[in-house]
Amino acid sequence: MNINLPEKLYYGIGEVAKAFGVNTSLIRFWEKEFDVLQPKKNAKGNRKFTPKDIKNLELIFHLVKQRGFTLEGAKTHLKDNKGGTLENFDIIRKLENVKSELLKIKDQL
């Protein structure tokens, strides 16, 4: 999964939902269910997601939507593998990007 978001300090919930291809209600629901998601709220109450929140959302999306974890299973997985899960996910994502670039180069040859 490749999320196309510009590099910014904060992202609105609409931007995040569009990048993941889900409804904003799902993002709000995951915020309530998963303690790792802690978006900041401005004076109006609008959620502002940091890049760290985006990485956590990517991990939750991967576990729930791609690997088929239940919400309880994903919560347990995140609690059991506190820091290692996110680091491993980052490494896997980088390797997938390298693989796709190599396949592009192979096709051009």
Protein backbone atom coordinates (compact mmCIF):
# COMPACT_ATOMS: atom_id res chain seq x y z
CA MET A 1 0.00 0.00 0.00
CA ASN A 2 1.45 3.30 -1.03
CA ILE A 3 -0.04 6.37 0.63
CA ASN A 4 0.36 9.52 -1.45
CA LEU A 5 0.37 12.42 0.97
CA PRO A 6 2.53 15.53 0.69
CA GLU A 7 5.03 16.04 3.48
CA LYS A 8 3.37 18.29 6.05
CA LEU A 9 3.28 18.60 9.82
CA TYR A 10 -0.47 17.96 10.05
CA TYR A 11 -3.08 16.33 7.83
CA GLY A 12 -6.84 16.80 7.97
CA ILE A 13 -9.11 13.80 8.37
CA GLY A 14 -10.46 14.26 4.83
CA GLU A 15 -6.95 14.06 3.34
CA VAL A 16 -6.16 10.98 5.38
CA ALA A 17 -9.41 9.20 4.49
CA LYS A 18 -8.92 9.95 0.79
CA ALA A 19 -5.32 8.70 0.87
CA PHE A 20 -6.43 5.40 2.43
CA GLY A 21 -9.56 5.11 0.28
CA VAL A 22 -11.91 4.86 3.27
CA ASN A 23 -14.64 6.99 4.85
CA THR A 24 -13.81 9.55 7.51
CA SER A 25 -16.12 7.67 9.87
CA LEU A 26 -13.79 4.65 9.73
CA ILE A 27 -10.82 6.85 10.67
CA ARG A 28 -12.79 8.29 13.61
CA PHE A 29 -13.84 4.78 14.65
CA TRP A 30 -10.24 3.51 14.57
CA GLU A 31 -9.20 6.56 16.61
CA LYS A 32 -11.61 5.46 19.36
CA GLU A 33 -10.60 1.79 19.15
CA PHE A 34 -6.80 2.10 18.98
CA ASP A 35 -4.87 3.95 21.68
CA VAL A 36 -1.87 4.53 19.38
CA LEU A 37 -3.91 7.03 17.34
CA GLN A 38 -3.79 10.38 19.09
CA PRO A 39 -4.58 13.12 16.55
CA LYS A 40 -4.42 16.65 17.82
CA LYS A 41 -7.60 18.71 17.75
CA ASN A 42 -7.76 22.42 17.03
CA ALA A 43 -10.12 24.91 18.70
CA LYS A 44 -12.98 23.85 16.42
CA GLY A 45 -12.41 20.18 17.25
CA ASN A 46 -11.03 19.26 13.82
CA ARG A 47 -8.59 16.37 13.91
CA LYS A 48 -5.04 17.00 12.75
CA PHE A 49 -2.98 13.87 12.12
CA THR A 50 0.81 13.89 12.43
CA PRO A 51 3.12 11.78 10.25
CA LYS A 52 3.45 9.39 13.23
CA ASP A 53 -0.35 9.01 13.27
CA ILE A 54 -0.26 8.29 9.53
CA LYS A 55 2.31 5.50 10.07
CA ASN A 56 0.15 4.02 12.82
CA LEU A 57 -2.89 4.23 10.54
CA GLU A 58 -0.95 2.47 7.79
CA LEU A 59 -0.10 -0.32 10.21
CA ILE A 60 -3.70 -0.63 11.41
CA PHE A 61 -4.95 -0.58 7.81
CA HIS A 62 -2.43 -3.28 6.90
CA LEU A 63 -3.42 -5.50 9.82
CA VAL A 64 -7.18 -5.09 9.52
CA LYS A 65 -7.83 -4.64 5.79
CA GLN A 66 -4.93 -6.50 4.15
CA ARG A 67 -4.09 -9.27 6.60
CA GLY A 68 -7.65 -9.76 7.83
CA PHE A 69 -7.10 -9.27 11.55
CA THR A 70 -10.12 -8.60 13.74
CA LEU A 71 -10.04 -5.34 15.66
CA GLU A 72 -9.29 -7.23 18.88
CA GLY A 73 -6.56 -9.20 17.13
CA ALA A 74 -4.99 -6.04 15.76
CA LYS A 75 -5.10 -4.40 19.21
CA THR A 76 -3.44 -7.44 20.76
CA HIS A 77 -0.80 -7.54 18.03
CA LEU A 78 0.01 -3.85 18.54
CA LYS A 79 0.26 -4.23 22.33
CA ASP A 80 2.41 -7.38 22.19
CA ASN A 81 4.87 -5.93 19.67
CA LYS A 82 4.92 -2.32 20.90
CA GLY A 83 7.86 -0.78 18.97
CA GLY A 84 8.96 -3.67 16.80
CA THR A 85 5.80 -3.87 14.73
CA LEU A 86 6.04 -0.34 13.39
CA GLU A 87 9.76 -0.67 12.67
CA ASN A 88 9.24 -4.00 10.89
CA PHE A 89 6.36 -2.53 8.90
CA ASP A 90 8.55 0.39 7.80
CA ILE A 91 11.27 -2.00 6.66
CA ILE A 92 8.79 -4.15 4.74
CA ARG A 93 7.28 -1.07 3.08
CA LYS A 94 10.73 0.15 2.01
CA LEU A 95 11.61 -3.27 0.63
CA GLU A 96 8.36 -3.36 -1.34
CA ASN A 97 9.23 0.04 -2.83
CA VAL A 98 12.69 -1.22 -3.80
CA LYS A 99 11.13 -4.32 -5.36
CA SER A 100 8.70 -2.24 -7.42
CA GLU A 101 11.53 0.02 -8.63
CA LEU A 102 13.60 -3.02 -9.62
CA LEU A 103 10.64 -4.49 -11.51
CA LYS A 104 10.23 -1.18 -13.38
CA ILE A 105 13.92 -1.28 -14.33
CA LYS A 106 13.58 -4.91 -15.44
CA ASP A 107 10.62 -4.03 -17.67
CA GLN A 108 12.59 -1.21 -19.28
CA LEU A 109 15.46 -3.53 -20.22
